[in-house]
């Protein structure tokens, strides 16, 4: 199984390219869209400015948990799309957590 990461600035075409790319991958695919974790869980009846830093961290931790579950399972190609990551400096940090999980399970 392989992992593919699509990262780039907002509105750069990541989602469009990713959805077309997924059609080319044989076997099972788990599509983990980072923005869905960041915004999809917290924006019902709210605006972006109302989402707190704590909620952003919680969303990222949820993403890492799901990534770890699929990575540990090992039966899926993983497609990760988005810019959202977190480190001690805040949002859009490095990808160390994500890459670390993928390496742990030999992706």
N, C-alpha and C. Protein backbone atom coordinates (compact mmCIF):
# COMPACT_ATOMS: atom_id res chain seq x y z
N UNK A 1 0.84 -1.18 0.00
CA UNK A 1 0.00 0.00 0.00
C UNK A 1 0.88 1.24 0.00
N UNK A 2 0.35 2.29 -0.57
CA UNK A 2 1.10 3.54 -0.68
C UNK A 2 0.29 4.69 -0.11
N UNK A 3 1.01 5.76 0.21
CA UNK A 3 0.36 7.00 0.65
C UNK A 3 0.76 8.10 -0.31
N UNK A 4 -0.21 8.91 -0.67
CA UNK A 4 0.00 10.04 -1.56
C UNK A 4 -0.47 11.29 -0.84
N UNK A 5 0.35 12.32 -0.83
CA UNK A 5 0.01 13.56 -0.13
C UNK A 5 -0.06 14.69 -1.15
N UNK A 6 -1.18 15.37 -1.18
CA UNK A 6 -1.38 16.53 -2.05
C UNK A 6 -1.51 17.75 -1.16
N UNK A 7 -0.53 18.64 -1.26
CA UNK A 7 -0.49 19.86 -0.45
C UNK A 7 -0.30 21.05 -1.35
N UNK A 8 -0.82 22.18 -0.94
CA UNK A 8 -0.62 23.40 -1.70
C UNK A 8 -1.50 24.50 -1.14
N UNK A 9 -1.35 25.70 -1.69
CA UNK A 9 -2.13 26.83 -1.21
C UNK A 9 -3.63 26.62 -1.43
N UNK A 10 -4.46 27.34 -0.67
CA UNK A 10 -5.90 27.27 -0.87
C UNK A 10 -6.27 27.60 -2.32
N UNK A 11 -7.25 26.88 -2.83
CA UNK A 11 -7.80 27.09 -4.17
C UNK A 11 -6.77 26.88 -5.28
N UNK A 12 -5.78 26.01 -5.03
CA UNK A 12 -4.76 25.75 -6.05
C UNK A 12 -5.11 24.55 -6.93
N UNK A 13 -6.21 23.87 -6.64
CA UNK A 13 -6.63 22.73 -7.44
C UNK A 13 -6.35 21.38 -6.82
N UNK A 14 -5.93 21.36 -5.56
CA UNK A 14 -5.62 20.10 -4.89
C UNK A 14 -6.79 19.11 -4.94
N UNK A 15 -7.95 19.59 -4.57
CA UNK A 15 -9.12 18.71 -4.52
C UNK A 15 -9.50 18.16 -5.89
N UNK A 16 -9.45 19.00 -6.88
CA UNK A 16 -9.78 18.58 -8.24
C UNK A 16 -8.80 17.52 -8.74
N UNK A 17 -7.52 17.79 -8.58
CA UNK A 17 -6.49 16.84 -9.03
C UNK A 17 -6.57 15.55 -8.23
N UNK A 18 -6.75 15.67 -6.93
CA UNK A 18 -6.79 14.49 -6.07
C UNK A 18 -7.92 13.56 -6.47
N UNK A 19 -9.10 14.09 -6.69
CA UNK A 19 -10.24 13.24 -7.04
C UNK A 19 -10.02 12.53 -8.37
N UNK A 20 -9.35 13.17 -9.31
CA UNK A 20 -9.02 12.51 -10.58
C UNK A 20 -7.93 11.46 -10.37
N UNK A 21 -6.95 11.78 -9.55
CA UNK A 21 -5.85 10.86 -9.27
C UNK A 21 -6.36 9.57 -8.62
N UNK A 22 -7.31 9.70 -7.70
CA UNK A 22 -7.86 8.54 -6.99
C UNK A 22 -8.42 7.51 -7.98
N UNK A 23 -8.98 7.98 -9.07
CA UNK A 23 -9.56 7.07 -10.07
C UNK A 23 -8.49 6.16 -10.69
N UNK A 24 -7.23 6.55 -10.60
CA UNK A 24 -6.14 5.79 -11.21
C UNK A 24 -5.50 4.77 -10.27
N UNK A 25 -5.87 4.80 -9.00
CA UNK A 25 -5.25 3.93 -8.01
C UNK A 25 -6.02 2.61 -7.93
N UNK A 26 -5.32 1.50 -8.14
CA UNK A 26 -6.00 0.20 -7.99
C UNK A 26 -6.21 -0.13 -6.51
N UNK A 27 -7.21 -0.94 -6.24
CA UNK A 27 -7.44 -1.39 -4.88
C UNK A 27 -8.21 -0.39 -4.03
N UNK A 28 -8.21 -0.65 -2.75
CA UNK A 28 -8.94 0.20 -1.80
C UNK A 28 -8.20 1.50 -1.56
N UNK A 29 -8.97 2.58 -1.45
CA UNK A 29 -8.41 3.90 -1.18
C UNK A 29 -9.15 4.54 -0.02
N UNK A 30 -8.41 5.07 0.92
CA UNK A 30 -8.98 5.91 1.98
C UNK A 30 -8.57 7.34 1.66
N UNK A 31 -9.57 8.19 1.44
CA UNK A 31 -9.33 9.60 1.08
C UNK A 31 -9.50 10.44 2.34
N UNK A 32 -8.40 11.00 2.83
CA UNK A 32 -8.43 11.79 4.06
C UNK A 32 -8.23 13.26 3.68
N UNK A 33 -9.31 13.99 3.67
CA UNK A 33 -9.29 15.40 3.29
C UNK A 33 -9.13 16.24 4.56
N UNK A 34 -7.97 16.86 4.70
CA UNK A 34 -7.66 17.59 5.93
C UNK A 34 -8.65 18.71 6.22
N UNK A 35 -9.09 19.43 5.20
CA UNK A 35 -10.05 20.52 5.44
C UNK A 35 -11.36 20.02 6.02
N UNK A 36 -11.74 18.80 5.68
CA UNK A 36 -12.96 18.26 6.26
C UNK A 36 -12.82 18.11 7.77
N UNK A 37 -11.65 17.69 8.22
CA UNK A 37 -11.42 17.60 9.67
C UNK A 37 -11.38 18.98 10.29
N UNK A 38 -10.74 19.91 9.62
CA UNK A 38 -10.56 21.24 10.20
C UNK A 38 -11.86 22.04 10.19
N UNK A 39 -12.53 22.06 9.06
CA UNK A 39 -13.72 22.93 8.94
C UNK A 39 -15.03 22.15 9.01
N UNK A 40 -15.07 20.97 8.46
CA UNK A 40 -16.32 20.22 8.39
C UNK A 40 -16.88 19.85 9.75
N UNK A 41 -16.02 19.68 10.72
CA UNK A 41 -16.48 19.29 12.05
C UNK A 41 -16.92 20.48 12.90
N UNK A 42 -16.48 21.68 12.56
CA UNK A 42 -16.66 22.81 13.47
C UNK A 42 -17.46 23.99 12.91
N UNK A 43 -17.85 23.96 11.66
CA UNK A 43 -18.44 25.16 11.08
C UNK A 43 -19.96 25.15 10.94
N UNK A 44 -20.61 24.14 11.43
CA UNK A 44 -22.07 24.16 11.35
C UNK A 44 -22.61 25.28 12.22
N UNK A 45 -23.38 26.16 11.61
CA UNK A 45 -23.98 27.32 12.29
C UNK A 45 -22.94 28.29 12.86
N UNK A 46 -21.72 28.29 12.29
CA UNK A 46 -20.65 29.17 12.77
C UNK A 46 -19.88 29.71 11.58
N UNK A 47 -19.04 30.68 11.87
CA UNK A 47 -18.16 31.24 10.86
C UNK A 47 -16.72 30.85 11.18
N UNK A 48 -15.85 30.92 10.17
CA UNK A 48 -14.46 30.53 10.33
C UNK A 48 -13.82 31.25 11.51
N UNK A 49 -14.08 32.54 11.66
CA UNK A 49 -13.45 33.33 12.73
C UNK A 49 -13.85 32.85 14.12
N UNK A 50 -14.93 32.09 14.23
CA UNK A 50 -15.41 31.61 15.53
C UNK A 50 -14.73 30.32 15.99
N UNK A 51 -13.99 29.66 15.12
CA UNK A 51 -13.32 28.41 15.48
C UNK A 51 -12.06 28.74 16.25
N UNK A 52 -11.93 28.17 17.43
CA UNK A 52 -10.81 28.50 18.32
C UNK A 52 -9.56 27.68 17.98
N UNK A 53 -8.42 28.12 18.49
CA UNK A 53 -7.18 27.38 18.31
C UNK A 53 -7.30 25.98 18.91
N UNK A 54 -7.95 25.88 20.05
CA UNK A 54 -8.16 24.57 20.68
C UNK A 54 -8.95 23.64 19.76
N UNK A 55 -9.95 24.17 19.07
CA UNK A 55 -10.73 23.34 18.14
C UNK A 55 -9.90 22.92 16.94
N UNK A 56 -9.03 23.80 16.46
CA UNK A 56 -8.13 23.44 15.36
C UNK A 56 -7.22 22.29 15.79
N UNK A 57 -6.67 22.37 16.98
CA UNK A 57 -5.80 21.30 17.49
C UNK A 57 -6.57 19.99 17.63
N UNK A 58 -7.80 20.07 18.14
CA UNK A 58 -8.63 18.89 18.28
C UNK A 58 -8.90 18.25 16.92
N UNK A 59 -9.19 19.06 15.93
CA UNK A 59 -9.44 18.55 14.58
C UNK A 59 -8.21 17.84 14.04
N UNK A 60 -7.03 18.43 14.26
CA UNK A 60 -5.79 17.82 13.77
C UNK A 60 -5.51 16.50 14.50
N UNK A 61 -5.74 16.46 15.79
CA UNK A 61 -5.57 15.22 16.54
C UNK A 61 -6.53 14.14 16.05
N UNK A 62 -7.76 14.53 15.71
CA UNK A 62 -8.73 13.58 15.15
C UNK A 62 -8.22 13.03 13.81
N UNK A 63 -7.70 13.92 12.98
CA UNK A 63 -7.14 13.48 11.70
C UNK A 63 -6.01 12.48 11.92
N UNK A 64 -5.08 12.79 12.83
CA UNK A 64 -3.96 11.89 13.08
C UNK A 64 -4.43 10.52 13.57
N UNK A 65 -5.48 10.51 14.37
CA UNK A 65 -6.03 9.25 14.87
C UNK A 65 -6.60 8.41 13.72
N UNK A 66 -7.34 9.04 12.83
CA UNK A 66 -7.89 8.32 11.68
C UNK A 66 -6.77 7.84 10.76
N UNK A 67 -5.78 8.69 10.53
CA UNK A 67 -4.64 8.30 9.71
C UNK A 67 -3.93 7.08 10.32
N UNK A 68 -3.73 7.10 11.61
CA UNK A 68 -3.07 5.98 12.28
C UNK A 68 -3.90 4.71 12.14
N UNK A 69 -5.21 4.81 12.28
CA UNK A 69 -6.06 3.62 12.16
C UNK A 69 -5.97 3.00 10.77
N UNK A 70 -6.06 3.82 9.73
CA UNK A 70 -5.96 3.29 8.37
C UNK A 70 -4.55 2.78 8.08
N UNK A 71 -3.54 3.47 8.58
CA UNK A 71 -2.16 3.03 8.36
C UNK A 71 -1.90 1.69 9.03
N UNK A 72 -2.38 1.55 10.25
CA UNK A 72 -2.20 0.30 10.99
C UNK A 72 -2.94 -0.85 10.31
N UNK A 73 -4.12 -0.58 9.77
CA UNK A 73 -4.89 -1.60 9.09
C UNK A 73 -4.12 -2.16 7.89
N UNK A 74 -3.49 -1.27 7.13
CA UNK A 74 -2.64 -1.70 6.04
C UNK A 74 -3.31 -2.20 4.78
N UNK A 75 -4.62 -2.12 4.69
CA UNK A 75 -5.34 -2.63 3.52
C UNK A 75 -5.78 -1.54 2.56
N UNK A 76 -5.32 -0.33 2.77
CA UNK A 76 -5.77 0.80 1.95
C UNK A 76 -4.58 1.60 1.43
N UNK A 77 -4.69 2.07 0.20
CA UNK A 77 -3.83 3.14 -0.26
C UNK A 77 -4.40 4.41 0.37
N UNK A 78 -3.54 5.27 0.84
CA UNK A 78 -3.99 6.49 1.52
C UNK A 78 -3.74 7.70 0.65
N UNK A 79 -4.77 8.51 0.50
CA UNK A 79 -4.65 9.76 -0.22
C UNK A 79 -5.00 10.87 0.76
N UNK A 80 -4.02 11.72 1.02
CA UNK A 80 -4.18 12.82 1.97
C UNK A 80 -4.15 14.11 1.18
N UNK A 81 -5.17 14.93 1.37
CA UNK A 81 -5.27 16.17 0.61
C UNK A 81 -5.52 17.33 1.54
N UNK A 82 -4.73 18.37 1.41
CA UNK A 82 -4.94 19.59 2.16
C UNK A 82 -3.66 20.18 2.69
N UNK A 83 -3.80 21.32 3.30
CA UNK A 83 -2.65 22.05 3.81
C UNK A 83 -2.54 21.94 5.32
N UNK A 84 -3.63 21.66 5.98
CA UNK A 84 -3.73 21.71 7.43
C UNK A 84 -2.82 20.71 8.11
N UNK A 85 -1.90 21.19 8.90
CA UNK A 85 -1.11 20.38 9.81
C UNK A 85 -0.81 21.28 11.02
N UNK A 86 -0.23 20.71 12.02
CA UNK A 86 -0.06 21.49 13.25
C UNK A 86 1.29 21.17 13.88
N UNK A 87 1.93 22.16 14.44
CA UNK A 87 3.09 21.92 15.29
C UNK A 87 3.10 22.98 16.37
N UNK A 88 4.19 23.07 17.10
CA UNK A 88 4.24 24.00 18.23
C UNK A 88 4.10 25.46 17.80
N UNK A 89 4.25 25.74 16.53
CA UNK A 89 4.11 27.11 16.03
C UNK A 89 2.71 27.41 15.51
N UNK A 90 1.83 26.42 15.52
CA UNK A 90 0.47 26.63 15.09
C UNK A 90 0.12 25.91 13.81
N UNK A 91 -0.92 26.38 13.16
CA UNK A 91 -1.43 25.74 11.94
C UNK A 91 -0.43 25.84 10.81
N UNK A 92 -0.58 24.95 9.87
CA UNK A 92 0.25 24.90 8.66
C UNK A 92 1.72 24.69 9.00
N UNK A 93 1.95 23.92 10.03
CA UNK A 93 3.32 23.58 10.41
C UNK A 93 3.88 22.52 9.48
N UNK A 94 4.90 21.86 9.94
CA UNK A 94 5.53 20.84 9.10
C UNK A 94 4.68 19.57 9.09
N UNK A 95 5.12 18.61 8.34
CA UNK A 95 4.37 17.36 8.16
C UNK A 95 4.95 16.22 9.00
N UNK A 96 5.75 16.53 10.01
CA UNK A 96 6.44 15.50 10.78
C UNK A 96 5.49 14.46 11.38
N UNK A 97 4.37 14.89 11.94
CA UNK A 97 3.43 13.94 12.55
C UNK A 97 2.87 12.98 11.51
N UNK A 98 2.49 13.53 10.38
CA UNK A 98 1.87 12.74 9.31
C UNK A 98 2.89 11.75 8.74
N UNK A 99 4.04 12.27 8.37
CA UNK A 99 5.09 11.41 7.80
C UNK A 99 5.54 10.37 8.83
N UNK A 100 5.62 10.75 10.10
CA UNK A 100 6.01 9.81 11.13
C UNK A 100 5.08 8.61 11.23
N UNK A 101 3.78 8.86 11.16
CA UNK A 101 2.80 7.77 11.20
C UNK A 101 2.95 6.89 9.96
N UNK A 102 3.08 7.50 8.80
CA UNK A 102 3.24 6.72 7.57
C UNK A 102 4.50 5.87 7.59
N UNK A 103 5.58 6.42 8.08
CA UNK A 103 6.83 5.65 8.17
C UNK A 103 6.71 4.51 9.18
N UNK A 104 6.03 4.77 10.28
CA UNK A 104 5.85 3.75 11.32
C UNK A 104 5.22 2.47 10.74
N UNK A 105 4.32 2.65 9.77
CA UNK A 105 3.62 1.51 9.17
C UNK A 105 4.12 1.20 7.75
N UNK A 106 5.32 1.67 7.44
CA UNK A 106 6.01 1.34 6.18
C UNK A 106 5.28 1.80 4.93
N UNK A 107 4.65 2.94 4.98
CA UNK A 107 4.08 3.52 3.76
C UNK A 107 5.15 4.30 3.04
